[in-house]
Protein backbone atom coordinates (compact mmCIF):
# COMPACT_ATOMS: atom_id res chain seq x y z
CA MET A 1 97.86 92.77 107.66
CA HIS A 2 98.00 89.49 109.53
CA VAL A 3 95.13 87.56 109.85
CA HIS A 4 94.86 83.60 109.63
CA PRO A 5 92.00 82.77 107.52
CA TYR A 6 91.44 79.62 109.24
CA GLU A 7 93.21 77.94 112.84
CA VAL A 8 96.82 77.67 111.52
CA LEU A 9 98.79 75.98 114.60
CA PHE A 10 97.46 72.95 114.56
CA ASP A 11 94.92 72.98 111.41
CA ARG A 12 92.76 70.08 112.62
CA PHE A 13 89.19 71.92 112.24
CA THR A 14 87.01 70.98 109.19
CA TYR A 15 84.20 73.17 108.13
CA ASP A 16 80.72 72.37 106.95
CA ASN A 17 79.12 74.22 103.96
CA GLU A 18 77.94 77.59 104.62
CA VAL A 19 75.41 78.24 107.55
CA ALA A 20 74.82 82.00 106.25
CA ARG A 21 76.48 83.78 103.48
CA GLY A 22 80.43 84.22 103.78
CA VAL A 23 79.92 82.00 106.91
CA LEU A 24 81.47 78.34 107.53
CA SER A 25 80.73 76.62 111.11
CA LEU A 26 82.02 74.02 113.14
CA SER A 27 79.47 71.20 113.51
CA GLY A 28 76.65 73.79 112.66
CA LYS A 29 77.72 76.47 115.63
CA SER A 30 75.71 79.56 115.15
CA TYR A 31 77.19 82.69 114.23
CA ALA A 32 77.12 86.36 115.85
CA ALA A 33 78.77 89.43 114.39
CA PRO A 34 81.44 90.81 116.97
CA SER A 35 80.93 93.72 119.18
CA VAL A 36 82.71 95.70 121.76
CA THR A 37 82.49 93.82 125.14
CA LYS A 38 84.36 93.43 128.09
CA PHE A 39 87.96 94.29 126.98
CA GLN A 40 91.43 93.76 129.17
CA PHE A 41 94.66 93.93 127.96
CA PRO A 42 95.88 90.60 127.05
CA GLU A 43 99.23 89.54 128.68
CA MET A 44 101.16 86.20 127.95
CA GLY A 45 100.46 83.33 130.26
CA ASN A 46 103.77 81.59 132.42
CA PHE A 47 103.52 78.02 131.21
CA SER A 48 106.85 77.61 132.05
CA ASP A 49 106.22 74.72 134.38
CA GLU A 50 104.32 72.59 131.79
CA PRO A 51 106.47 69.52 131.06
CA ARG A 52 103.82 68.35 128.19
CA PRO A 53 103.57 70.28 125.16
CA GLN A 54 101.21 67.29 123.99
CA ARG A 55 98.68 68.15 126.72
CA LEU A 56 99.19 71.86 125.91
CA GLN A 57 98.63 71.43 122.31
CA ASP A 58 95.08 69.61 123.18
CA ILE A 59 94.12 72.13 125.64
CA SER A 60 94.79 74.74 122.99
CA VAL A 61 92.73 72.74 120.48
CA MET A 62 89.80 72.79 122.73
CA LEU A 63 89.74 76.58 123.62
CA LEU A 64 90.38 77.39 119.55
CA ARG A 65 87.10 75.73 118.85
CA LYS A 66 85.28 78.70 120.01
CA VAL A 67 87.40 81.24 118.99
CA TYR A 68 87.38 79.87 115.50
CA ARG A 69 84.14 78.49 115.62
CA ASN A 70 83.65 80.32 112.53
CA VAL A 71 85.28 81.40 109.61
CA GLY A 72 84.74 82.90 105.94
CA GLU A 73 84.63 86.35 104.29
CA GLN A 74 81.60 87.62 106.28
CA VAL A 75 83.22 86.98 109.66
CA PHE A 76 86.19 88.68 108.96
CA ILE A 77 84.24 91.52 107.01
CA ASP A 78 82.72 91.98 110.54
CA GLN A 79 85.77 92.28 112.27
CA MET A 80 87.03 94.73 109.85
CA THR A 81 84.18 96.76 110.12
CA LEU A 82 84.08 96.95 113.55
CA SER A 83 87.81 97.72 113.84
CA GLY A 84 87.84 100.23 110.70
CA ILE A 85 90.05 97.88 108.73
CA ASP A 86 89.37 98.03 104.90
CA ARG A 87 91.66 95.35 103.83
CA VAL A 88 93.36 92.04 104.99
CA LEU A 89 96.20 90.06 104.33
CA LEU A 90 95.54 86.43 104.72
CA LEU A 91 98.35 84.10 106.09
CA PRO A 92 97.73 80.52 105.65
CA ILE A 93 100.50 78.24 106.57
CA ALA A 94 102.20 75.10 105.48
CA PRO A 95 102.34 72.65 108.42
CA GLU A 96 105.34 70.73 109.03
CA SER A 97 104.03 67.65 107.36
CA CYS A 98 102.29 69.42 104.36
CA THR A 99 103.18 68.22 100.79
CA PRO A 100 102.59 70.67 97.84
CA ASP A 101 99.56 69.07 96.92
CA GLU A 102 97.79 69.03 100.31
CA PHE A 103 98.77 72.88 100.72
CA GLY A 104 96.97 73.25 97.48
CA SER A 105 94.31 71.93 98.37
CA ARG A 106 94.09 74.60 101.39
CA MET A 107 95.09 77.36 99.49
CA ARG A 108 91.94 76.62 96.97
CA TRP A 109 89.86 76.58 100.11
CA VAL A 110 91.25 79.72 101.12
CA LYS A 111 90.20 81.51 97.52
CA ARG A 112 86.98 79.66 97.25
CA PHE A 113 85.66 81.30 100.52
CA TYR A 114 87.35 84.56 100.45
CA SER A 115 86.64 85.69 97.06
CA ASN A 116 86.45 89.53 98.07
CA ARG A 117 89.78 90.33 96.09
CA GLU A 118 89.33 93.82 97.43
CA LYS A 119 89.19 93.22 100.88
CA PHE A 120 91.01 89.79 100.84
CA TRP A 121 94.81 89.59 100.14
CA ILE A 122 95.88 86.31 99.77
CA ALA A 123 99.54 85.09 101.10
CA GLY A 124 101.33 81.34 100.26
CA SER A 125 103.22 79.76 101.92
CA ILE A 126 106.48 76.86 101.22
CA PRO A 127 106.32 73.44 102.70
CA GLY A 128 109.38 72.62 104.17
CA ALA A 129 109.79 69.12 102.36
CA LEU A 130 110.44 71.05 99.47
CA ALA A 131 114.28 71.41 98.36
CA GLY A 132 116.07 74.59 97.37
CA ASN A 133 116.31 73.82 93.70
CA GLU A 134 112.44 73.59 93.92
CA ILE A 135 111.53 76.93 95.88
CA GLY A 136 111.50 78.97 92.81
CA PRO A 137 109.16 77.00 90.71
CA TYR A 138 106.74 76.54 93.40
CA VAL A 139 106.74 80.39 94.48
CA CYS A 140 105.88 81.30 90.75
CA GLU A 141 103.07 78.62 90.73
CA LEU A 142 101.37 79.68 93.78
CA LYS A 143 101.57 83.42 92.14
CA LYS A 144 100.06 82.19 88.63
CA GLU A 145 97.59 79.81 90.52
CA TYR A 146 96.26 81.90 93.36
CA GLY A 147 97.59 85.20 92.91
CA ILE A 148 99.57 85.33 96.21
CA ARG A 149 100.47 88.61 96.97
CA ALA A 150 103.03 87.47 99.52
CA ILE A 151 105.09 84.84 101.31
CA LYS A 152 104.43 83.66 105.07
CA CYS A 153 107.03 81.54 106.72
CA HIS A 154 106.25 80.09 110.13
CA PRO A 155 109.63 78.14 111.11
CA VAL A 156 107.88 76.68 114.39
CA VAL A 157 104.63 75.53 112.79
CA SER A 158 106.76 74.49 109.43
CA GLY A 159 109.14 72.79 111.44
CA ILE A 160 112.00 74.63 109.89
CA ASP A 161 114.92 74.67 112.36
CA LEU A 162 116.75 77.88 111.49
CA SER A 163 119.57 77.21 114.06
CA SER A 164 120.82 74.66 111.04
CA SER A 165 122.92 75.52 108.31
CA ASN A 166 121.25 73.98 105.56
CA ARG A 167 117.63 75.58 106.90
CA LYS A 168 119.59 78.83 107.12
CA GLU A 169 120.75 78.27 103.41
CA TRP A 170 116.81 77.17 102.74
CA MET A 171 115.47 80.44 103.96
CA GLU A 172 118.06 82.36 101.93
CA THR A 173 116.80 80.42 98.94
CA VAL A 174 113.30 81.83 99.97
CA LEU A 175 114.47 85.06 100.02
CA GLY A 176 115.99 84.98 96.51
CA ALA A 177 112.55 83.50 95.19
CA CYS A 178 110.95 86.31 96.76
CA HIS A 179 113.06 88.50 95.21
CA GLU A 180 112.45 87.25 91.82
CA ALA A 181 108.89 86.79 92.02
CA LYS A 182 108.86 90.39 93.42
CA LEU A 183 106.79 89.57 96.75
CA PRO A 184 107.14 90.59 100.25
CA LEU A 185 108.17 87.91 102.83
CA ILE A 186 106.28 87.57 106.35
CA ILE A 187 108.71 85.21 109.16
CA HIS A 188 107.04 84.40 112.16
CA GLY A 189 109.73 85.58 114.83
CA GLY A 190 109.57 84.75 118.55
CA ARG A 191 110.84 82.32 121.32
CA ASN A 192 109.42 79.71 123.61
CA ASN A 193 106.51 78.25 121.98
CA LEU A 194 105.74 75.28 124.40
CA TYR A 195 103.60 73.90 121.85
CA TRP A 196 106.07 71.85 119.96
CA GLY A 197 108.43 71.60 122.94
CA GLY A 198 112.63 71.18 122.62
CA SER A 199 114.22 73.47 120.86
CA ARG A 200 111.48 73.62 117.93
CA GLY A 201 109.52 76.15 120.22
CA ASN A 202 112.73 78.38 119.47
CA PHE A 203 112.94 77.62 115.55
CA GLY A 204 112.30 81.24 114.66
CA SER A 205 114.32 82.96 117.57
CA LEU A 206 115.84 85.96 116.62
CA GLU A 207 119.16 84.47 117.71
CA ASN A 208 118.45 82.42 114.40
CA LEU A 209 117.01 85.10 112.33
CA GLU A 210 119.51 87.64 112.88
CA ASN A 211 122.03 85.43 111.23
CA ILE A 212 120.06 85.12 107.82
CA ASP A 213 120.98 87.76 104.97
CA MET A 214 117.29 89.56 104.76
CA SER A 215 118.95 91.32 102.13
CA ILE A 216 118.90 88.93 99.27
CA SER A 217 115.49 90.09 98.66
CA GLU A 218 115.26 93.92 97.82
CA GLU A 219 111.15 93.17 98.43
CA PRO A 220 110.06 94.04 102.07
CA VAL A 221 110.74 91.34 104.83
CA ILE A 222 108.20 91.72 107.51
CA LEU A 223 109.24 90.08 111.31
CA ALA A 224 105.91 89.12 112.67
CA HIS A 225 105.11 89.82 116.12
CA ALA A 226 108.81 92.51 115.76
CA GLY A 227 110.40 88.69 116.78
CA PHE A 228 109.02 88.68 120.34
CA HIS A 229 106.25 86.43 120.15
CA ARG A 230 106.01 84.93 123.62
CA CYS A 231 109.24 86.64 124.45
CA ARG A 232 109.41 87.70 128.50
CA ILE A 233 109.97 91.62 129.07
CA ASP A 234 113.24 91.07 130.23
CA GLU A 235 114.36 88.96 127.32
CA ILE A 236 113.11 91.52 124.91
CA GLU A 237 114.99 94.33 126.90
CA GLN A 238 117.94 92.71 127.67
CA VAL A 239 118.72 90.75 124.10
CA GLY A 240 115.68 91.43 122.15
CA LEU A 241 115.44 94.98 121.12
CA PRO A 242 119.47 95.28 120.59
CA MET A 243 119.42 92.59 118.46
CA LEU A 244 116.13 93.81 116.55
CA ASP A 245 117.74 97.22 116.44
CA LYS A 246 121.01 95.58 114.65
CA MET A 247 118.96 93.79 112.02
CA LEU A 248 116.85 96.96 111.17
CA LYS A 249 120.18 98.97 110.45
CA ALA A 250 121.45 96.04 108.55
CA HIS A 251 118.51 95.47 106.09
CA PRO A 252 116.70 98.55 105.12
CA ASN A 253 113.72 96.38 103.51
CA LEU A 254 112.92 94.52 107.28
CA CYS A 255 110.09 96.33 108.73
CA VAL A 256 108.17 94.50 111.72
CA ASP A 257 104.45 94.05 112.65
CA ILE A 258 103.21 94.27 115.96
CA SER A 259 100.63 91.10 115.74
CA GLY A 260 100.21 89.24 118.83
CA LEU A 261 102.25 91.53 121.49
CA GLY A 262 101.17 91.85 124.73
CA PHE A 263 100.48 95.51 126.10
CA GLU A 264 104.19 95.99 127.70
CA PRO A 265 105.90 94.53 124.92
CA LEU A 266 103.83 96.64 122.39
CA LYS A 267 104.86 99.48 124.27
CA LEU A 268 108.66 98.62 124.05
CA VAL A 269 108.51 98.11 120.29
CA LEU A 270 106.57 101.41 120.06
CA GLN A 271 109.01 103.46 121.59
CA SER A 272 112.20 101.79 119.96
CA VAL A 273 111.36 101.61 116.52
CA ASN A 274 110.81 104.09 114.21
CA ALA A 275 107.34 104.59 112.96
CA ASP A 276 108.28 104.22 108.99
CA ARG A 277 109.47 100.38 110.04
CA ILE A 278 106.12 99.48 111.72
CA LEU A 279 103.01 97.82 110.16
CA PHE A 280 99.64 97.19 112.06
CA GLY A 281 98.76 93.62 112.63
CA SER A 282 96.12 91.53 114.39
CA ASP A 283 96.67 87.78 114.37
CA ALA A 284 93.18 87.35 114.35
CA LEU A 285 90.93 85.54 114.88
CA TYR A 286 93.56 84.44 117.83
CA SER A 287 92.79 87.99 118.73
CA PRO A 288 89.72 90.15 118.05
CA GLN A 289 90.89 92.84 115.56
CA TRP A 290 89.05 95.59 117.56
CA GLU A 291 91.31 94.83 120.57
CA ALA A 292 94.45 94.96 118.41
CA VAL A 293 93.02 98.24 117.44
CA THR A 294 92.05 99.49 120.83
CA MET A 295 95.39 98.38 122.49
CA THR A 296 97.61 100.02 120.03
CA LEU A 297 96.14 103.12 120.18
CA HIS A 298 96.04 102.94 124.35
CA ALA A 299 100.02 102.23 124.05
CA LEU A 300 100.50 104.98 121.96
CA LYS A 301 98.58 107.05 124.76
CA GLU A 302 100.24 105.97 127.47
CA LEU A 303 103.73 106.78 126.09
CA GLY A 304 102.41 110.32 124.81
CA MET A 305 102.84 109.57 120.80
CA ALA A 306 100.57 110.90 118.79
CA MET A 307 98.21 108.44 118.38
CA GLU A 308 95.99 109.63 115.28
CA GLU A 309 99.23 110.19 113.25
CA ASN A 310 101.08 107.00 114.48
CA PHE A 311 98.25 104.32 114.09
CA LEU A 312 97.38 105.70 110.48
CA GLN A 313 101.33 105.38 109.59
CA PHE A 314 101.36 101.61 110.95
CA ALA A 315 97.90 100.83 109.70
CA SER A 316 97.47 102.30 106.52
CA ILE A 317 100.78 104.39 105.07
CA ASN A 318 103.24 101.62 105.48
CA PRO A 319 101.21 98.55 104.42
CA ARG A 320 100.30 100.27 101.27
CA LYS A 321 104.38 100.88 100.94
CA THR A 322 105.24 97.57 101.75
CA ILE A 323 102.18 94.91 101.08
CA PHE A 324 99.13 96.52 99.59
CA LYS A 325 100.56 97.69 96.28
CA ASP A 326 100.40 97.11 92.88
CA ARG A 327 103.26 95.11 91.41
């Protein structure tokens, strides 16, 4: 689970018509299927001395043109074939200024170019401008119109400040809507996202998420990146893991996915969270899917944990119980 069908952080790319079956391209760029090339375990860079979030955005968009040069179902099928993955959950995200009509246009695009329903399940997202009383009907509309299988909330990208009482209530309304619609909810969790500057980069921090009643929904709630996206090792060890443990004990429906974690944070999560609460995710195409598989297996090996048994639990058994099940 946890892949993005287009570049969602900044959502600035427009794709030409298909350059090959199942492949869309930026400005006619050629496409080559992925292969296992030089690999090193990625670690988060230190941008703490960069005071200009807009400059970081501009640099990142330039780099992401290469990462998201090609999209479409064949691009992801190639990734999945290389990685031994047979199904993924696509996570479109409604940006801060997005209206329901604008997001509907994006959802129609995703549904059109990822039409293989066996391999691609689609999540929805809720524009932050929606009032509380509009959320339930909107979720039902997404489910009816696009056949969504989950809701994804990214507080940073969507501009939802979960430190405020109004947005906390808003999120709990989303949880209630997911319960009524029988849909899982995936919530981005992490800190220190400097692309947006100020406090916004921490909208999805565990300090904010722990105050939300995840048990309002009886459906699964998945904390993306285990709540540690861009967190430092010392933050995870000293504050994050105790907080996460408290949340998992308080909410039996809460799980974590391990997408987008560096190698050392990944090892901390694997040795601290029960295997039946962990879901594999790759964050593709921000990271190659095969790389996430390799890194997870190597982390299990370094920890002396059963590789095949645990990876099967993370990537197959748990997703089938929480996401990929008939409802």
